[in-house]
PDB file of N, CA and C in Angstrom:
ATOM      1  N   PHE A   1      17.941  -5.339  -9.977  1.00  0.00           N
ATOM      2  CA  PHE A   1      15.859  -6.341  -9.733  1.00  0.00           C
ATOM      3  C   PHE A   1      15.797  -7.115 -10.653  1.00  0.00           C
ATOM      4  N   ASP A   2      15.442  -8.125 -10.971  1.00  0.00           N
ATOM      5  CA  ASP A   2      14.735  -8.504 -11.781  1.00  0.00           C
ATOM      6  C   ASP A   2      13.123  -8.160 -11.845  1.00  0.00           C
ATOM      7  N   SER A   3      12.383  -7.680 -11.195  1.00  0.00           N
ATOM      8  CA  SER A   3      11.035  -7.388 -11.004  1.00  0.00           C
ATOM      9  C   SER A   3      10.792  -6.127  -9.857  1.00  0.00           C
ATOM     10  N   PHE A   4      10.303  -4.974 -10.264  1.00  0.00           N
ATOM     11  CA  PHE A   4       9.514  -4.472  -8.938  1.00  0.00           C
ATOM     12  C   PHE A   4       8.560  -3.564  -9.549  1.00  0.00           C
ATOM     13  N   ILE A   5       7.657  -3.759  -8.888  1.00  0.00           N
ATOM     14  CA  ILE A   5       6.101  -3.196  -9.024  1.00  0.00           C
ATOM     15  C   ILE A   5       5.956  -2.302  -7.785  1.00  0.00           C
ATOM     16  N   LEU A   6       5.662  -1.019  -8.375  1.00  0.00           N
ATOM     17  CA  LEU A   6       4.829  -0.271  -7.358  1.00  0.00           C
ATOM     18  C   LEU A   6       3.739   0.661  -7.411  1.00  0.00           C
ATOM     19  N   PHE A   7       3.158   0.443  -6.337  1.00  0.00           N
ATOM     20  CA  PHE A   7       1.746   0.783  -6.225  1.00  0.00           C
ATOM     21  C   PHE A   7       1.206   2.325  -5.347  1.00  0.00           C
ATOM     22  N   PRO A   8       1.938   3.190  -5.661  1.00  0.00           N
ATOM     23  CA  PRO A   8       1.584   4.975  -4.774  1.00  0.00           C
ATOM     24  C   PRO A   8       0.864   4.834  -3.615  1.00  0.00           C
ATOM     25  N   GLY A   9       0.505   5.302  -2.496  1.00  0.00           N
ATOM     26  CA  GLY A   9      -0.357   5.281  -1.750  1.00  0.00           C
ATOM     27  C   GLY A   9      -1.091   6.564  -2.215  1.00  0.00           C
ATOM     28  N   GLN A  10      -2.031   6.932  -1.693  1.00  0.00           N
ATOM     29  CA  GLN A  10      -3.012   7.617  -2.045  1.00  0.00           C
ATOM     30  C   GLN A  10      -3.463   8.771  -0.535  1.00  0.00           C
ATOM     31  N   THR A  11      -3.713   9.888  -0.304  1.00  0.00           N
ATOM     32  CA  THR A  11      -4.174  10.535   0.681  1.00  0.00           C
ATOM     33  C   THR A  11      -5.695  11.345   0.193  1.00  0.00           C
ATOM     34  N   LYS A  12      -6.721  11.507   0.972  1.00  0.00           N
ATOM     35  CA  LYS A  12      -8.247  12.343   0.511  1.00  0.00           C
ATOM     36  C   LYS A  12      -8.318  12.614   1.838  1.00  0.00           C
ATOM     37  N   THR A  13      -8.831  14.243   1.386  1.00  0.00           N
ATOM     38  CA  THR A  13      -9.280  14.545   2.693  1.00  0.00           C
ATOM     39  C   THR A  13     -10.788  14.216   2.815  1.00  0.00           C
ATOM     40  N   VAL A  14     -11.710  13.724   4.078  1.00  0.00           N
ATOM     41  CA  VAL A  14     -12.866  13.778   3.963  1.00  0.00           C
ATOM     42  C   VAL A  14     -13.979  14.257   4.930  1.00  0.00           C
ATOM     43  N   THR A  15     -14.946  14.711   4.845  1.00  0.00           N
ATOM     44  CA  THR A  15     -15.415  15.584   5.409  1.00  0.00           C
ATOM     45  C   THR A  15     -16.794  14.930   5.838  1.00  0.00           C
ATOM     46  N   ASP A  16     -17.424  14.672   7.135  1.00  0.00           N
ATOM     47  CA  ASP A  16     -18.492  13.823   7.694  1.00  0.00           C
ATOM     48  C   ASP A  16     -19.197  14.741   8.360  1.00  0.00           C
ATOM     49  N   TYR A  17     -20.562  14.889   8.237  1.00  0.00           N
ATOM     50  CA  TYR A  17     -21.061  15.501   9.021  1.00  0.00           C
ATOM     51  C   TYR A  17     -22.362  14.491   9.842  1.00  0.00           C
ATOM     52  N   TYR A  18     -22.628  15.058  11.623  1.00  0.00           N
ATOM     53  CA  TYR A  18     -23.193  14.578  12.360  1.00  0.00           C
ATOM     54  C   TYR A  18     -23.990  16.023  13.128  1.00  0.00           C
ATOM     55  N   GLN A  19     -25.223  15.444  13.413  1.00  0.00           N
ATOM     56  CA  GLN A  19     -26.155  16.025  14.562  1.00  0.00           C
ATOM     57  C   GLN A  19     -25.496  16.021  15.858  1.00  0.00           C
ATOM     58  N   ASP A  20     -25.398  16.991  16.545  1.00  0.00           N
ATOM     59  CA  ASP A  20     -25.102  16.802  18.008  1.00  0.00           C
ATOM     60  C   ASP A  20     -26.436  17.700  18.880  1.00  0.00           C
ATOM     61  N   TYR A  21     -26.871  17.039  19.671  1.00  0.00           N
ATOM     62  CA  TYR A  21     -27.740  18.444  20.887  1.00  0.00           C
ATOM     63  C   TYR A  21     -26.978  18.762  21.655  1.00  0.00           C
ATOM     64  N   VAL A  22     -27.112  20.192  21.798  1.00  0.00           N
ATOM     65  CA  VAL A  22     -26.400  20.932  22.767  1.00  0.00           C
ATOM     66  C   VAL A  22     -27.802  21.719  22.897  1.00  0.00           C
ATOM     67  N   TYR A  23     -27.000  22.282  24.373  1.00  0.00           N
ATOM     68  CA  TYR A  23     -28.105  23.712  25.058  1.00  0.00           C
ATOM     69  C   TYR A  23     -27.460  24.893  24.673  1.00  0.00           C
ATOM     70  N   ASN A  24     -28.547  25.822  24.202  1.00  0.00           N
ATOM     71  CA  ASN A  24     -28.330  27.041  23.900  1.00  0.00           C
ATOM     72  C   ASN A  24     -28.491  27.902  24.873  1.00  0.00           C
ATOM     73  N   GLU A  25     -27.626  28.658  25.311  1.00  0.00           N
ATOM     74  CA  GLU A  25     -27.901  29.809  26.874  1.00  0.00           C
ATOM     75  C   GLU A  25     -28.656  30.489  26.414  1.00  0.00           C
ATOM     76  N   ALA A  26     -28.481  31.161  24.828  1.00  0.00           N
ATOM     77  CA  ALA A  26     -29.176  32.514  24.887  1.00  0.00           C
ATOM     78  C   ALA A  26     -31.212  31.910  24.573  1.00  0.00           C
ATOM     79  N   THR A  27     -31.016  30.915  23.892  1.00  0.00           N
ATOM     80  CA  THR A  27     -32.657  30.623  24.479  1.00  0.00           C
ATOM     81  C   THR A  27     -32.841  29.551  25.339  1.00  0.00           C
ATOM     82  N   MET A  28     -32.254  29.428  26.003  1.00  0.00           N
ATOM     83  CA  MET A  28     -32.442  28.815  27.228  1.00  0.00           C
ATOM     84  C   MET A  28     -33.139  26.954  26.676  1.00  0.00           C
ATOM     85  N   GLU A  29     -32.806  26.433  25.572  1.00  0.00           N
ATOM     86  CA  GLU A  29     -33.491  25.345  24.937  1.00  0.00           C
ATOM     87  C   GLU A  29     -32.366  24.343  24.683  1.00  0.00           C
ATOM     88  N   TYR A  30     -32.451  23.568  24.508  1.00  0.00           N
ATOM     89  CA  TYR A  30     -31.674  22.438  23.656  1.00  0.00           C
ATOM     90  C   TYR A  30     -31.975  22.591  22.389  1.00  0.00           C
ATOM     91  N   GLN A  31     -31.045  22.353  21.221  1.00  0.00           N
ATOM     92  CA  GLN A  31     -31.629  22.348  19.770  1.00  0.00           C
ATOM     93  C   GLN A  31     -30.447  21.515  19.085  1.00  0.00           C
ATOM     94  N   TYR A  32     -30.533  21.244  17.956  1.00  0.00           N
ATOM     95  CA  TYR A  32     -29.888  20.417  16.935  1.00  0.00           C
ATOM     96  C   TYR A  32     -29.022  21.052  16.712  1.00  0.00           C
ATOM     97  N   GLU A  33     -27.524  20.404  16.419  1.00  0.00           N
ATOM     98  CA  GLU A  33     -26.693  21.713  15.408  1.00  0.00           C
ATOM     99  C   GLU A  33     -25.505  20.565  14.589  1.00  0.00           C
ATOM    100  N   THR A  34     -25.380  21.249  13.554  1.00  0.00           N
ATOM    101  CA  THR A  34     -24.518  20.098  12.541  1.00  0.00           C
ATOM    102  C   THR A  34     -23.454  20.314  12.810  1.00  0.00           C
ATOM    103  N   VAL A  35     -22.244  19.277  12.824  1.00  0.00           N
ATOM    104  CA  VAL A  35     -20.824  19.664  13.386  1.00  0.00           C
ATOM    105  C   VAL A  35     -20.441  18.793  12.132  1.00  0.00           C
ATOM    106  N   ALA A  36     -19.108  19.497  11.425  1.00  0.00           N
ATOM    107  CA  ALA A  36     -18.536  18.946  10.640  1.00  0.00           C
ATOM    108  C   ALA A  36     -17.294  18.278  11.131  1.00  0.00           C
ATOM    109  N   TYR A  37     -16.949  17.333  10.562  1.00  0.00           N
ATOM    110  CA  TYR A  37     -15.744  16.533  10.948  1.00  0.00           C
ATOM    111  C   TYR A  37     -15.057  16.417  10.244  1.00  0.00           C
ATOM    112  N   THR A  38     -13.322  17.245   9.878  1.00  0.00           N
ATOM    113  CA  THR A  38     -13.310  16.835   8.821  1.00  0.00           C
ATOM    114  C   THR A  38     -11.475  15.981   9.004  1.00  0.00           C
ATOM    115  N   TYR A  39     -10.754  15.147   8.572  1.00  0.00           N
ATOM    116  CA  TYR A  39     -10.019  14.164   8.652  1.00  0.00           C
ATOM    117  C   TYR A  39      -9.255  13.822   7.152  1.00  0.00           C
ATOM    118  N   GLN A  40      -7.983  12.938   7.339  1.00  0.00           N
ATOM    119  CA  GLN A  40      -7.262  12.924   5.981  1.00  0.00           C
ATOM    120  C   GLN A  40      -7.419  11.230   6.075  1.00  0.00           C
ATOM    121  N   ASP A  41      -7.876  10.773   5.236  1.00  0.00           N
ATOM    122  CA  ASP A  41      -7.847   9.572   4.854  1.00  0.00           C
ATOM    123  C   ASP A  41      -6.654   8.830   4.147  1.00  0.00           C
ATOM    124  N   GLU A  42      -5.756   7.965   4.649  1.00  0.00           N
ATOM    125  CA  GLU A  42      -4.680   7.553   3.915  1.00  0.00           C
ATOM    126  C   GLU A  42      -4.664   6.069   3.677  1.00  0.00           C
ATOM    127  N   LYS A  43      -4.485   6.111   2.173  1.00  0.00           N
ATOM    128  CA  LYS A  43      -4.405   4.480   2.032  1.00  0.00           C
ATOM    129  C   LYS A  43      -3.048   4.341   1.794  1.00  0.00           C
ATOM    130  N   PRO A  44      -2.063   3.510   2.540  1.00  0.00           N
ATOM    131  CA  PRO A  44      -0.834   3.349   2.248  1.00  0.00           C
ATOM    132  C   PRO A  44       0.014   2.514   0.817  1.00  0.00           C
ATOM    133  N   GLY A  45       0.747   2.663   0.924  1.00  0.00           N
ATOM    134  CA  GLY A  45       1.772   2.181  -0.600  1.00  0.00           C
ATOM    135  C   GLY A  45       1.719   0.917  -0.720  1.00  0.00           C
ATOM    136  N   PHE A  46       2.140   0.403  -1.508  1.00  0.00           N
ATOM    137  CA  PHE A  46       2.315  -1.013  -1.792  1.00  0.00           C
ATOM    138  C   PHE A  46       3.294  -1.708  -2.907  1.00  0.00           C
ATOM    139  N   GLY A  47       4.312  -2.534  -3.148  1.00  0.00           N
ATOM    140  CA  GLY A  47       5.461  -2.471  -3.464  1.00  0.00           C
ATOM    141  C   GLY A  47       5.851  -3.860  -3.365  1.00  0.00           C
ATOM    142  N   LEU A  48       6.138  -4.608  -4.728  1.00  0.00           N
ATOM    143  CA  LEU A  48       6.438  -6.355  -4.611  1.00  0.00           C
ATOM    144  C   LEU A  48       8.073  -6.009  -5.348  1.00  0.00           C
ATOM    145  N   LEU A  49       9.017  -6.660  -4.575  1.00  0.00           N
ATOM    146  CA  LEU A  49      10.042  -6.432  -4.778  1.00  0.00           C
ATOM    147  C   LEU A  49      10.400  -8.435  -5.070  1.00  0.00           C
ATOM    148  N   MET A  50      11.558  -8.338  -6.353  1.00  0.00           N
ATOM    149  CA  MET A  50      11.734  -9.724  -6.523  1.00  0.00           C
ATOM    150  C   MET A  50      13.186  -9.489  -7.191  1.00  0.00           C
ATOM    151  N   PRO A  51      14.118  -9.774  -6.190  1.00  0.00           N
ATOM    152  CA  PRO A  51      15.205  -9.700  -6.430  1.00  0.00           C
ATOM    153  C   PRO A  51      16.139 -11.159  -6.685  1.00  0.00           C
ATOM    154  N   GLY A  52      16.784 -11.143  -7.704  1.00  0.00           N
ATOM    155  CA  GLY A  52      17.570 -12.299  -8.231  1.00  0.00           C
ATOM    156  C   GLY A  52      19.010 -12.343  -8.928  1.00  0.00           C
ATOM    157  N   VAL A  53      19.729 -13.518  -8.799  1.00  0.00           N
ATOM    158  CA  VAL A  53      20.626 -13.723  -9.260  1.00  0.00           C
ATOM    159  C   VAL A  53      20.638 -14.494 -10.741  1.00  0.00           C
ATOM    160  N   ARG A  54      21.541 -13.873 -11.726  1.00  0.00           N
ATOM    161  CA  ARG A  54      21.205 -15.050 -12.720  1.00  0.00           C
ATOM    162  C   ARG A  54      22.380 -15.677 -13.362  1.00  0.00           C
ATOM    163  N   TRP A  55      22.677 -16.445 -13.621  1.00  0.00           N
ATOM    164  CA  TRP A  55      23.841 -17.146 -14.491  1.00  0.00           C
ATOM    165  C   TRP A  55      23.762 -17.426 -16.150  1.00  0.00           C
ATOM    166  N   HIS A  56      24.380 -16.918 -17.102  1.00  0.00           N
ATOM    167  CA  HIS A  56      24.511 -17.567 -18.090  1.00  0.00           C
ATOM    168  C   HIS A  56      25.118 -18.809 -18.361  1.00  0.00           C
ATOM    169  N   GLN A  57      24.228 -19.826 -18.738  1.00  0.00           N
ATOM    170  CA  GLN A  57      24.881 -20.960 -18.601  1.00  0.00           C
ATOM    171  C   GLN A  57      25.324 -20.889 -20.415  1.00  0.00           C
ATOM    172  N   ALA A  58      25.102 -20.484 -21.191  1.00  0.00           N
ATOM    173  CA  ALA A  58      25.319 -20.401 -22.569  1.00  0.00           C
ATOM    174  C   ALA A  58      24.952 -19.612 -23.568  1.00  0.00           C
ATOM    175  N   GLU A  59      25.160 -19.317 -24.474  1.00  0.00           N
ATOM    176  CA  GLU A  59      23.853 -18.344 -25.737  1.00  0.00           C
ATOM    177  C   GLU A  59      22.722 -18.738 -25.846  1.00  0.00           C
ATOM    178  N   GLY A  60      21.507 -17.694 -24.890  1.00  0.00           N
ATOM    179  CA  GLY A  60      20.512 -18.530 -25.053  1.00  0.00           C
ATOM    180  C   GLY A  60      19.958 -19.077 -24.098  1.00  0.00           C
ATOM    181  N   LYS A  61      20.984 -19.248 -23.109  1.00  0.00           N
ATOM    182  CA  LYS A  61      20.166 -19.992 -21.879  1.00  0.00           C
ATOM    183  C   LYS A  61      20.696 -20.169 -20.891  1.00  0.00           C
ATOM    184  N   ALA A  62      20.039 -19.505 -19.551  1.00  0.00           N
ATOM    185  CA  ALA A  62      20.247 -19.165 -18.503  1.00  0.00           C
ATOM    186  C   ALA A  62      19.485 -19.508 -17.141  1.00  0.00           C
ATOM    187  N   PHE A  63      19.998 -19.428 -15.843  1.00  0.00           N
ATOM    188  CA  PHE A  63      19.662 -19.913 -14.918  1.00  0.00           C
ATOM    189  C   PHE A  63      19.264 -18.775 -13.776  1.00  0.00           C
ATOM    190  N   GLN A  64      18.280 -18.881 -12.920  1.00  0.00           N
ATOM    191  CA  GLN A  64      18.112 -17.872 -12.068  1.00  0.00           C
ATOM    192  C   GLN A  64      17.412 -18.082 -10.743  1.00  0.00           C
ATOM    193  N   PHE A  65      18.234 -17.866  -9.776  1.00  0.00           N
ATOM    194  CA  PHE A  65      17.545 -18.451  -8.345  1.00  0.00           C
ATOM    195  C   PHE A  65      17.317 -16.679  -7.844  1.00  0.00           C
ATOM    196  N   GLY A  66      15.872 -16.765  -7.215  1.00  0.00           N
ATOM    197  CA  GLY A  66      15.932 -14.970  -6.659  1.00  0.00           C
ATOM    198  C   GLY A  66      14.767 -15.419  -5.369  1.00  0.00           C
ATOM    199  N   PHE A  67      13.996 -14.265  -4.751  1.00  0.00           N
ATOM    200  CA  PHE A  67      13.206 -14.450  -4.080  1.00  0.00           C
ATOM    201  C   PHE A  67      12.518 -13.137  -3.661  1.00  0.00           C
ATOM    202  N   ALA A  68      11.023 -13.359  -2.959  1.00  0.00           N
ATOM    203  CA  ALA A  68      10.240 -12.259  -3.050  1.00  0.00           C
ATOM    204  C   ALA A  68       9.936 -11.633  -2.079  1.00  0.00           C
ATOM    205  N   ALA A  69       9.638 -10.498  -1.828  1.00  0.00           N
ATOM    206  CA  ALA A  69       9.272  -9.454  -0.613  1.00  0.00           C
ATOM    207  C   ALA A  69       8.231  -8.220  -0.999  1.00  0.00           C
ATOM    208  N   ILE A  70       6.928  -7.987  -0.142  1.00  0.00           N
ATOM    209  CA  ILE A  70       6.432  -6.993  -0.157  1.00  0.00           C
ATOM    210  C   ILE A  70       6.547  -6.104   0.855  1.00  0.00           C
ATOM    211  N   ALA A  71       6.736  -4.465   0.042  1.00  0.00           N
ATOM    212  CA  ALA A  71       6.715  -3.286   1.088  1.00  0.00           C
ATOM    213  C   ALA A  71       5.388  -2.831   1.179  1.00  0.00           C
ATOM    214  N   ALA A  72       4.855  -2.673   2.521  1.00  0.00           N
ATOM    215  CA  ALA A  72       3.674  -2.074   2.715  1.00  0.00           C
ATOM    216  C   ALA A  72       3.873  -1.224   4.189  1.00  0.00           C
ATOM    217  N   ASN A  73       3.318  -0.005   4.233  1.00  0.00           N
ATOM    218  CA  ASN A  73       3.453   0.342   5.612  1.00  0.00           C
ATOM    219  C   ASN A  73       4.818   0.968   6.364  1.00  0.00           C
ATOM    220  N   GLY A  74       5.659   1.026   5.195  1.00  0.00           N
ATOM    221  CA  GLY A  74       6.700   1.006   5.737  1.00  0.00           C
ATOM    222  C   GLY A  74       7.621   0.186   6.281  1.00  0.00           C
ATOM    223  N   GLU A  75       7.106  -0.814   6.040  1.00  0.00           N
ATOM    224  CA  GLU A  75       7.737  -2.501   6.679  1.00  0.00           C
ATOM    225  C   GLU A  75       8.469  -3.342   5.174  1.00  0.00           C
ATOM    226  N   ILE A  76       9.095  -4.251   5.183  1.00  0.00           N
ATOM    227  CA  ILE A  76       9.160  -5.035   4.037  1.00  0.00           C
ATOM    228  C   ILE A  76       8.856  -6.375   4.552  1.00  0.00           C
ATOM    229  N   LEU A  77       8.223  -7.115   4.047  1.00  0.00           N
ATOM    230  CA  LEU A  77       7.798  -8.369   4.517  1.00  0.00           C
ATOM    231  C   LEU A  77       8.740  -9.348   3.371  1.00  0.00           C
ATOM    232  N   GLN A  78       9.675 -10.216   3.700  1.00  0.00           N
ATOM    233  CA  GLN A  78       9.947 -11.109   2.812  1.00  0.00           C
ATOM    234  C   GLN A  78       8.798 -12.597   2.975  1.00  0.00           C
ATOM    235  N   ILE A  79       9.037 -12.950   1.899  1.00  0.00           N
ATOM    236  CA  ILE A  79       7.776 -14.445   1.744  1.00  0.00           C
ATOM    237  C   ILE A  79       8.961 -15.103   1.342  1.00  0.00           C
ATOM    238  N   PRO A  80       8.716 -16.100   2.286  1.00  0.00           N
ATOM    239  CA  PRO A  80      10.121 -17.284   2.268  1.00  0.00           C
ATOM    240  C   PRO A  80      10.049 -18.292   1.521  1.00  0.00           C
ATOM    241  N   ILE A  81       9.142 -18.499  -0.023  1.00  0.00           N
ATOM    242  CA  ILE A  81       9.216 -18.792  -0.678  1.00  0.00           C
ATOM    243  C   ILE A  81      10.061 -18.597  -2.187  1.00  0.00           C
ATOM    244  N   PRO A  82      11.544 -19.292  -2.568  1.00  0.00           N
ATOM    245  CA  PRO A  82      12.093 -18.808  -3.480  1.00  0.00           C
ATOM    246  C   PRO A  82      11.972 -19.308  -4.850  1.00  0.00           C
ATOM    247  N   THR A  83      11.993 -18.653  -5.507  1.00  0.00           N
ATOM    248  CA  THR A  83      11.756 -18.925  -6.886  1.00  0.00           C
ATOM    249  C   THR A  83      13.210 -19.108  -7.602  1.00  0.00           C
ATOM    250  N   VAL A  84      12.798 -20.257  -8.853  1.00  0.00           N
ATOM    251  CA  VAL A  84      14.526 -21.126  -9.392  1.00  0.00           C
ATOM    252  C   VAL A  84      13.474 -20.308 -10.763  1.00  0.00           C
ATOM    253  N   GLN A  85      14.212 -20.089 -11.682  1.00  0.00           N
ATOM    254  CA  GLN A  85      13.711 -20.135 -13.159  1.00  0.00           C
ATOM    255  C   GLN A  85      14.942 -20.609 -13.823  1.00  0.00           C
ATOM    256  N   TRP A  86      14.268 -21.412 -15.245  1.00  0.00           N
ATOM    257  CA  TRP A  86      15.402 -21.621 -16.328  1.00  0.00           C
ATOM    258  C   TRP A  86      14.885 -20.527 -17.617  1.00  0.00           C
ATOM    259  N   TYR A  87      15.757 -20.155 -18.584  1.00  0.00           N
ATOM    260  CA  TYR A  87      15.605 -19.318 -19.153  1.00  0.00           C
ATOM    261  C   TYR A  87      16.365 -19.612 -20.840  1.00  0.00           C
ATOM    262  N   ARG A  88      15.505 -20.029 -21.687  1.00  0.00           N
ATOM    263  CA  ARG A  88      15.779 -20.528 -22.950  1.00  0.00           C
ATOM    264  C   ARG A  88      15.638 -18.909 -24.062  1.00  0.00           C
ATOM    265  N   SER A  89      16.074 -19.248 -25.245  1.00  0.00           N
ATOM    266  CA  SER A  89      15.365 -18.262 -26.160  1.00  0.00           C
ATOM    267  C   SER A  89      15.146 -18.879 -27.194  1.00  0.00           C
ATOM    268  N   LEU A  90      13.906 -18.567 -27.897  1.00  0.00           N
ATOM    269  CA  LEU A  90      13.421 -18.946 -28.873  1.00  0.00           C
ATOM    270  C   LEU A  90      14.255 -18.604 -30.529  1.00  0.00           C
TER     271      LEU A  90
END
């Protein structure tokens, strides 16, 4: 691979609180009750893949053809724009 960039996903536990209006049988009245709701907030990872094929033409000169793809949410999305590079050493 010519280039590979990976941003790992993150998971964090989030707790939200809200007020619920419920009937209390012991007091026979409605009252507010605090309810906690806990869930996992997941942000998926992201990767950029840029494989390429390089041909060395001479010392200090090369030609490369490649394409790009993005990996996110367990799927790979190909980018239909090929890349072409010419390399020269200074």
